[in-house]
Amino acid sequence: MLIFLGIFLLCVAVCLVEIPYLKKVKSKREKRIFWSLFTVSMLIVSLKYGGVETPNPGDGIAFLLKPFSDFLFSLLK
């Protein structure tokens, strides 16, 4: 529970620093991107420290490139 409190306090600190800047900027796209990435990153951190197994991005990349790799190795045989 203490870890989640620390994560929450870190979120609040980041928001206190970033919100004044986002209010000055009139770009809705920049605000939307910031809040989307902020929400996703905090969700991932909370899940990771909550004990939920999060997937490794390298596994996804390997899965996507496996057919191409097999094709290249078949050409080299």
PDB file of N, CA and C in Angstrom:
ATOM      1  N   MET A   1       0.822  -1.191   0.000  1.00  0.00           N
ATOM      2  CA  MET A   1       0.000   0.000   0.000  1.00  0.00           C
ATOM      3  C   MET A   1       0.865   1.253   0.000  1.00  0.00           C
ATOM      4  N   LEU A   2       2.012   1.168   0.641  1.00  0.00           N
ATOM      5  CA  LEU A   2       2.915   2.308   0.700  1.00  0.00           C
ATOM      6  C   LEU A   2       3.471   2.638  -0.682  1.00  0.00           C
ATOM      7  N   ILE A   3       3.694   1.617  -1.497  1.00  0.00           N
ATOM      8  CA  ILE A   3       4.201   1.844  -2.853  1.00  0.00           C
ATOM      9  C   ILE A   3       3.170   2.603  -3.680  1.00  0.00           C
ATOM     10  N   PHE A   4       1.895   2.227  -3.544  1.00  0.00           N
ATOM     11  CA  PHE A   4       0.855   2.916  -4.295  1.00  0.00           C
ATOM     12  C   PHE A   4       0.715   4.370  -3.847  1.00  0.00           C
ATOM     13  N   LEU A   5       0.919   4.621  -2.571  1.00  0.00           N
ATOM     14  CA  LEU A   5       0.894   5.991  -2.076  1.00  0.00           C
ATOM     15  C   LEU A   5       2.047   6.791  -2.684  1.00  0.00           C
ATOM     16  N   GLY A   6       3.216   6.175  -2.763  1.00  0.00           N
ATOM     17  CA  GLY A   6       4.365   6.831  -3.386  1.00  0.00           C
ATOM     18  C   GLY A   6       4.126   7.111  -4.857  1.00  0.00           C
ATOM     19  N   ILE A   7       3.520   6.171  -5.556  1.00  0.00           N
ATOM     20  CA  ILE A   7       3.202   6.372  -6.972  1.00  0.00           C
ATOM     21  C   ILE A   7       2.215   7.519  -7.123  1.00  0.00           C
ATOM     22  N   PHE A   8       1.204   7.545  -6.263  1.00  0.00           N
ATOM     23  CA  PHE A   8       0.220   8.621  -6.311  1.00  0.00           C
ATOM     24  C   PHE A   8       0.875   9.981  -6.040  1.00  0.00           C
ATOM     25  N   LEU A   9       1.754  10.043  -5.059  1.00  0.00           N
ATOM     26  CA  LEU A   9       2.432  11.306  -4.757  1.00  0.00           C
ATOM     27  C   LEU A   9       3.334  11.738  -5.908  1.00  0.00           C
ATOM     28  N   LEU A  10       3.959  10.794  -6.572  1.00  0.00           N
ATOM     29  CA  LEU A  10       4.778  11.109  -7.742  1.00  0.00           C
ATOM     30  C   LEU A  10       3.905  11.661  -8.871  1.00  0.00           C
ATOM     31  N   CYS A  11       2.727  11.074  -9.055  1.00  0.00           N
ATOM     32  CA  CYS A  11       1.780  11.581 -10.060  1.00  0.00           C
ATOM     33  C   CYS A  11       1.388  13.023  -9.753  1.00  0.00           C
ATOM     34  N   VAL A  12       1.098  13.279  -8.508  1.00  0.00           N
ATOM     35  CA  VAL A  12       0.703  14.630  -8.099  1.00  0.00           C
ATOM     36  C   VAL A  12       1.844  15.614  -8.345  1.00  0.00           C
ATOM     37  N   ALA A  13       3.073  15.210  -8.032  1.00  0.00           N
ATOM     38  CA  ALA A  13       4.224  16.088  -8.242  1.00  0.00           C
ATOM     39  C   ALA A  13       4.416  16.399  -9.722  1.00  0.00           C
ATOM     40  N   VAL A  14       4.297  15.380 -10.570  1.00  0.00           N
ATOM     41  CA  VAL A  14       4.442  15.594 -12.009  1.00  0.00           C
ATOM     42  C   VAL A  14       3.335  16.511 -12.514  1.00  0.00           C
ATOM     43  N   CYS A  15       2.125  16.297 -12.045  1.00  0.00           N
ATOM     44  CA  CYS A  15       1.011  17.144 -12.464  1.00  0.00           C
ATOM     45  C   CYS A  15       1.208  18.588 -12.019  1.00  0.00           C
ATOM     46  N   LEU A  16       1.706  18.792 -10.820  1.00  0.00           N
ATOM     47  CA  LEU A  16       1.943  20.152 -10.336  1.00  0.00           C
ATOM     48  C   LEU A  16       2.977  20.886 -11.184  1.00  0.00           C
ATOM     49  N   VAL A  17       3.924  20.146 -11.722  1.00  0.00           N
ATOM     50  CA  VAL A  17       4.950  20.756 -12.563  1.00  0.00           C
ATOM     51  C   VAL A  17       4.422  20.989 -13.979  1.00  0.00           C
ATOM     52  N   GLU A  18       3.675  20.055 -14.523  1.00  0.00           N
ATOM     53  CA  GLU A  18       3.276  20.100 -15.926  1.00  0.00           C
ATOM     54  C   GLU A  18       1.991  20.878 -16.201  1.00  0.00           C
ATOM     55  N   ILE A  19       1.061  20.917 -15.273  1.00  0.00           N
ATOM     56  CA  ILE A  19      -0.232  21.563 -15.539  1.00  0.00           C
ATOM     57  C   ILE A  19      -0.093  23.056 -15.848  1.00  0.00           C
ATOM     58  N   PRO A  20       0.736  23.816 -15.131  1.00  0.00           N
ATOM     59  CA  PRO A  20       0.874  25.235 -15.516  1.00  0.00           C
ATOM     60  C   PRO A  20       1.381  25.408 -16.952  1.00  0.00           C
ATOM     61  N   TYR A  21       2.307  24.582 -17.368  1.00  0.00           N
ATOM     62  CA  TYR A  21       2.807  24.669 -18.736  1.00  0.00           C
ATOM     63  C   TYR A  21       1.704  24.309 -19.730  1.00  0.00           C
ATOM     64  N   LEU A  22       0.943  23.272 -19.429  1.00  0.00           N
ATOM     65  CA  LEU A  22      -0.114  22.851 -20.339  1.00  0.00           C
ATOM     66  C   LEU A  22      -1.226  23.897 -20.421  1.00  0.00           C
ATOM     67  N   LYS A  23      -1.440  24.660 -19.369  1.00  0.00           N
ATOM     68  CA  LYS A  23      -2.436  25.731 -19.423  1.00  0.00           C
ATOM     69  C   LYS A  23      -1.981  26.867 -20.329  1.00  0.00           C
ATOM     70  N   LYS A  24      -0.666  27.124 -20.351  1.00  0.00           N
ATOM     71  CA  LYS A  24      -0.136  28.180 -21.225  1.00  0.00           C
ATOM     72  C   LYS A  24      -0.228  27.775 -22.691  1.00  0.00           C
ATOM     73  N   VAL A  25       0.028  26.507 -22.961  1.00  0.00           N
ATOM     74  CA  VAL A  25       0.017  26.018 -24.338  1.00  0.00           C
ATOM     75  C   VAL A  25      -1.431  25.840 -24.772  1.00  0.00           C
ATOM     76  N   LYS A  26      -1.753  26.365 -25.933  1.00  0.00           N
ATOM     77  CA  LYS A  26      -3.125  26.287 -26.423  1.00  0.00           C
ATOM     78  C   LYS A  26      -3.348  25.057 -27.309  1.00  0.00           C
ATOM     79  N   SER A  27      -2.338  24.242 -27.476  1.00  0.00           N
ATOM     80  CA  SER A  27      -2.442  23.072 -28.346  1.00  0.00           C
ATOM     81  C   SER A  27      -3.196  21.935 -27.646  1.00  0.00           C
ATOM     82  N   LYS A  28      -4.356  21.603 -28.169  1.00  0.00           N
ATOM     83  CA  LYS A  28      -5.124  20.495 -27.593  1.00  0.00           C
ATOM     84  C   LYS A  28      -4.436  19.164 -27.855  1.00  0.00           C
ATOM     85  N   ARG A  29      -3.741  19.074 -28.982  1.00  0.00           N
ATOM     86  CA  ARG A  29      -3.048  17.831 -29.321  1.00  0.00           C
ATOM     87  C   ARG A  29      -1.970  17.522 -28.290  1.00  0.00           C
ATOM     88  N   GLU A  30      -1.210  18.518 -27.898  1.00  0.00           N
ATOM     89  CA  GLU A  30      -0.151  18.299 -26.916  1.00  0.00           C
ATOM     90  C   GLU A  30      -0.725  17.885 -25.564  1.00  0.00           C
ATOM     91  N   LYS A  31      -1.820  18.500 -25.171  1.00  0.00           N
ATOM     92  CA  LYS A  31      -2.469  18.139 -23.909  1.00  0.00           C
ATOM     93  C   LYS A  31      -2.994  16.706 -23.968  1.00  0.00           C
ATOM     94  N   ARG A  32      -3.616  16.363 -25.075  1.00  0.00           N
ATOM     95  CA  ARG A  32      -4.173  15.017 -25.235  1.00  0.00           C
ATOM     96  C   ARG A  32      -3.070  13.961 -25.199  1.00  0.00           C
ATOM     97  N   ILE A  33      -1.975  14.219 -25.885  1.00  0.00           N
ATOM     98  CA  ILE A  33      -0.851  13.274 -25.901  1.00  0.00           C
ATOM     99  C   ILE A  33      -0.255  13.137 -24.503  1.00  0.00           C
ATOM    100  N   PHE A  34      -0.059  14.258 -23.810  1.00  0.00           N
ATOM    101  CA  PHE A  34       0.502  14.202 -22.461  1.00  0.00           C
ATOM    102  C   PHE A  34      -0.363  13.361 -21.538  1.00  0.00           C
ATOM    103  N   TRP A  35      -1.672  13.635 -21.501  1.00  0.00           N
ATOM    104  CA  TRP A  35      -2.543  12.913 -20.580  1.00  0.00           C
ATOM    105  C   TRP A  35      -2.674  11.454 -20.957  1.00  0.00           C
ATOM    106  N   SER A  36      -2.651  11.147 -22.254  1.00  0.00           N
ATOM    107  CA  SER A  36      -2.718   9.743 -22.673  1.00  0.00           C
ATOM    108  C   SER A  36      -1.481   8.979 -22.222  1.00  0.00           C
ATOM    109  N   LEU A  37      -0.301   9.529 -22.508  1.00  0.00           N
ATOM    110  CA  LEU A  37       0.938   8.859 -22.111  1.00  0.00           C
ATOM    111  C   LEU A  37       1.084   8.803 -20.592  1.00  0.00           C
ATOM    112  N   PHE A  38       0.675   9.856 -19.922  1.00  0.00           N
ATOM    113  CA  PHE A  38       0.756   9.893 -18.456  1.00  0.00           C
ATOM    114  C   PHE A  38      -0.128   8.810 -17.848  1.00  0.00           C
ATOM    115  N   THR A  39      -1.347   8.676 -18.356  1.00  0.00           N
ATOM    116  CA  THR A  39      -2.277   7.675 -17.832  1.00  0.00           C
ATOM    117  C   THR A  39      -1.772   6.259 -18.083  1.00  0.00           C
ATOM    118  N   VAL A  40      -1.303   6.007 -19.298  1.00  0.00           N
ATOM    119  CA  VAL A  40      -0.806   4.670 -19.625  1.00  0.00           C
ATOM    120  C   VAL A  40       0.420   4.328 -18.786  1.00  0.00           C
ATOM    121  N   SER A  41       1.331   5.277 -18.643  1.00  0.00           N
ATOM    122  CA  SER A  41       2.548   4.988 -17.875  1.00  0.00           C
ATOM    123  C   SER A  41       2.237   4.748 -16.404  1.00  0.00           C
ATOM    124  N   MET A  42       1.337   5.514 -15.828  1.00  0.00           N
ATOM    125  CA  MET A  42       0.992   5.304 -14.426  1.00  0.00           C
ATOM    126  C   MET A  42       0.237   3.995 -14.233  1.00  0.00           C
ATOM    127  N   LEU A  43      -0.574   3.619 -15.205  1.00  0.00           N
ATOM    128  CA  LEU A  43      -1.263   2.336 -15.144  1.00  0.00           C
ATOM    129  C   LEU A  43      -0.265   1.180 -15.175  1.00  0.00           C
ATOM    130  N   ILE A  44       0.713   1.263 -16.055  1.00  0.00           N
ATOM    131  CA  ILE A  44       1.720   0.203 -16.156  1.00  0.00           C
ATOM    132  C   ILE A  44       2.547   0.114 -14.874  1.00  0.00           C
ATOM    133  N   VAL A  45       2.950   1.251 -14.335  1.00  0.00           N
ATOM    134  CA  VAL A  45       3.737   1.252 -13.095  1.00  0.00           C
ATOM    135  C   VAL A  45       2.914   0.673 -11.944  1.00  0.00           C
ATOM    136  N   SER A  46       1.651   1.065 -11.860  1.00  0.00           N
ATOM    137  CA  SER A  46       0.795   0.552 -10.782  1.00  0.00           C
ATOM    138  C   SER A  46       0.596  -0.955 -10.906  1.00  0.00           C
ATOM    139  N   LEU A  47       0.396  -1.437 -12.125  1.00  0.00           N
ATOM    140  CA  LEU A  47       0.221  -2.875 -12.323  1.00  0.00           C
ATOM    141  C   LEU A  47       1.504  -3.633 -11.996  1.00  0.00           C
ATOM    142  N   LYS A  48       2.644  -3.075 -12.405  1.00  0.00           N
ATOM    143  CA  LYS A  48       3.914  -3.748 -12.157  1.00  0.00           C
ATOM    144  C   LYS A  48       4.183  -3.879 -10.654  1.00  0.00           C
ATOM    145  N   TYR A  49       3.976  -2.800  -9.915  1.00  0.00           N
ATOM    146  CA  TYR A  49       4.222  -2.858  -8.474  1.00  0.00           C
ATOM    147  C   TYR A  49       3.085  -3.537  -7.726  1.00  0.00           C
ATOM    148  N   GLY A  50       1.956  -3.743  -8.399  1.00  0.00           N
ATOM    149  CA  GLY A  50       0.850  -4.471  -7.800  1.00  0.00           C
ATOM    150  C   GLY A  50       1.009  -5.978  -7.929  1.00  0.00           C
ATOM    151  N   GLY A  51       2.042  -6.406  -8.630  1.00  0.00           N
ATOM    152  CA  GLY A  51       2.314  -7.831  -8.759  1.00  0.00           C
ATOM    153  C   GLY A  51       1.750  -8.465 -10.018  1.00  0.00           C
ATOM    154  N   VAL A  52       1.187  -7.662 -10.917  1.00  0.00           N
ATOM    155  CA  VAL A  52       0.639  -8.192 -12.157  1.00  0.00           C
ATOM    156  C   VAL A  52       1.776  -8.343 -13.161  1.00  0.00           C
ATOM    157  N   GLU A  53       1.820  -9.482 -13.838  1.00  0.00           N
ATOM    158  CA  GLU A  53       2.857  -9.737 -14.834  1.00  0.00           C
ATOM    159  C   GLU A  53       2.600  -8.885 -16.073  1.00  0.00           C
ATOM    160  N   THR A  54       3.522  -7.985 -16.398  1.00  0.00           N
ATOM    161  CA  THR A  54       3.376  -7.130 -17.576  1.00  0.00           C
ATOM    162  C   THR A  54       4.226  -7.703 -18.707  1.00  0.00           C
ATOM    163  N   PRO A  55       3.734  -7.639 -19.934  1.00  0.00           N
ATOM    164  CA  PRO A  55       4.480  -8.211 -21.052  1.00  0.00           C
ATOM    165  C   PRO A  55       5.732  -7.388 -21.380  1.00  0.00           C
ATOM    166  N   ASN A  56       6.715  -8.079 -21.910  1.00  0.00           N
ATOM    167  CA  ASN A  56       7.958  -7.458 -22.318  1.00  0.00           C
ATOM    168  C   ASN A  56       7.817  -6.981 -23.767  1.00  0.00           C
ATOM    169  N   PRO A  57       8.135  -5.723 -24.077  1.00  0.00           N
ATOM    170  CA  PRO A  57       8.017  -5.247 -25.459  1.00  0.00           C
ATOM    171  C   PRO A  57       8.917  -6.013 -26.428  1.00  0.00           C
ATOM    172  N   GLY A  58      10.018  -6.522 -25.944  1.00  0.00           N
ATOM    173  CA  GLY A  58      10.916  -7.294 -26.808  1.00  0.00           C
ATOM    174  C   GLY A  58      10.273  -8.571 -27.326  1.00  0.00           C
ATOM    175  N   ASP A  59       9.406  -9.178 -26.528  1.00  0.00           N
ATOM    176  CA  ASP A  59       8.701 -10.382 -26.980  1.00  0.00           C
ATOM    177  C   ASP A  59       7.759 -10.065 -28.137  1.00  0.00           C
ATOM    178  N   GLY A  60       7.104  -8.928 -28.076  1.00  0.00           N
ATOM    179  CA  GLY A  60       6.203  -8.520 -29.154  1.00  0.00           C
ATOM    180  C   GLY A  60       6.956  -8.231 -30.442  1.00  0.00           C
ATOM    181  N   ILE A  61       8.101  -7.586 -30.318  1.00  0.00           N
ATOM    182  CA  ILE A  61       8.917  -7.292 -31.490  1.00  0.00           C
ATOM    183  C   ILE A  61       9.435  -8.584 -32.100  1.00  0.00           C
ATOM    184  N   ALA A  62       9.881  -9.511 -31.263  1.00  0.00           N
ATOM    185  CA  ALA A  62      10.366 -10.805 -31.762  1.00  0.00           C
ATOM    186  C   ALA A  62       9.242 -11.561 -32.463  1.00  0.00           C
ATOM    187  N   PHE A  63       8.038 -11.501 -31.929  1.00  0.00           N
ATOM    188  CA  PHE A  63       6.894 -12.173 -32.543  1.00  0.00           C
ATOM    189  C   PHE A  63       6.593 -11.589 -33.927  1.00  0.00           C
ATOM    190  N   LEU A  64       6.676 -10.264 -34.043  1.00  0.00           N
ATOM    191  CA  LEU A  64       6.391  -9.624 -35.324  1.00  0.00           C
ATOM    192  C   LEU A  64       7.475  -9.878 -36.364  1.00  0.00           C
ATOM    193  N   LEU A  65       8.722  -9.963 -35.933  1.00  0.00           N
ATOM    194  CA  LEU A  65       9.827 -10.126 -36.878  1.00  0.00           C
ATOM    195  C   LEU A  65      10.194 -11.579 -37.155  1.00  0.00           C
ATOM    196  N   LYS A  66       9.592 -12.526 -36.468  1.00  0.00           N
ATOM    197  CA  LYS A  66       9.907 -13.948 -36.637  1.00  0.00           C
ATOM    198  C   LYS A  66       9.690 -14.425 -38.074  1.00  0.00           C
ATOM    199  N   PRO A  67       8.565 -14.110 -38.745  1.00  0.00           N
ATOM    200  CA  PRO A  67       8.399 -14.569 -40.134  1.00  0.00           C
ATOM    201  C   PRO A  67       9.467 -13.999 -41.065  1.00  0.00           C
ATOM    202  N   PHE A  68       9.818 -12.750 -40.879  1.00  0.00           N
ATOM    203  CA  PHE A  68      10.850 -12.143 -41.709  1.00  0.00           C
ATOM    204  C   PHE A  68      12.201 -12.804 -41.466  1.00  0.00           C
ATOM    205  N   SER A  69      12.497 -13.096 -40.216  1.00  0.00           N
ATOM    206  CA  SER A  69      13.739 -13.773 -39.864  1.00  0.00           C
ATOM    207  C   SER A  69      13.792 -15.170 -40.483  1.00  0.00           C
ATOM    208  N   ASP A  70      12.686 -15.906 -40.397  1.00  0.00           N
ATOM    209  CA  ASP A  70      12.642 -17.231 -41.001  1.00  0.00           C
ATOM    210  C   ASP A  70      12.849 -17.163 -42.517  1.00  0.00           C
ATOM    211  N   PHE A  71      12.266 -16.161 -43.147  1.00  0.00           N
ATOM    212  CA  PHE A  71      12.432 -15.992 -44.593  1.00  0.00           C
ATOM    213  C   PHE A  71      13.895 -15.728 -44.936  1.00  0.00           C
ATOM    214  N   LEU A  72      14.547 -14.848 -44.191  1.00  0.00           N
ATOM    215  CA  LEU A  72      15.953 -14.549 -44.467  1.00  0.00           C
ATOM    216  C   LEU A  72      16.840 -15.781 -44.244  1.00  0.00           C
ATOM    217  N   PHE A  73      16.574 -16.543 -43.195  1.00  0.00           N
ATOM    218  CA  PHE A  73      17.377 -17.747 -42.958  1.00  0.00           C
ATOM    219  C   PHE A  73      17.138 -18.790 -44.032  1.00  0.00           C
ATOM    220  N   SER A  74      15.932 -18.860 -44.588  1.00  0.00           N
ATOM    221  CA  SER A  74      15.676 -19.827 -45.663  1.00  0.00           C
ATOM    222  C   SER A  74      16.425 -19.422 -46.937  1.00  0.00           C
ATOM    223  N   LEU A  75      16.633 -18.141 -47.138  1.00  0.00           N
ATOM    224  CA  LEU A  75      17.404 -17.698 -48.298  1.00  0.00           C
ATOM    225  C   LEU A  75      18.897 -18.012 -48.149  1.00  0.00           C
ATOM    226  N   LEU A  76      19.371 -18.028 -46.929  1.00  0.00           N
ATOM    227  CA  LEU A  76      20.792 -18.268 -46.681  1.00  0.00           C
ATOM    228  C   LEU A  76      21.152 -19.756 -46.713  1.00  0.00           C
ATOM    229  N   LYS A  77      20.176 -20.637 -46.685  1.00  0.00           N
ATOM    230  CA  LYS A  77      20.472 -22.071 -46.704  1.00  0.00           C
ATOM    231  C   LYS A  77      20.911 -22.517 -48.067  1.00  0.00           C
TER     232      LYS A  77
END
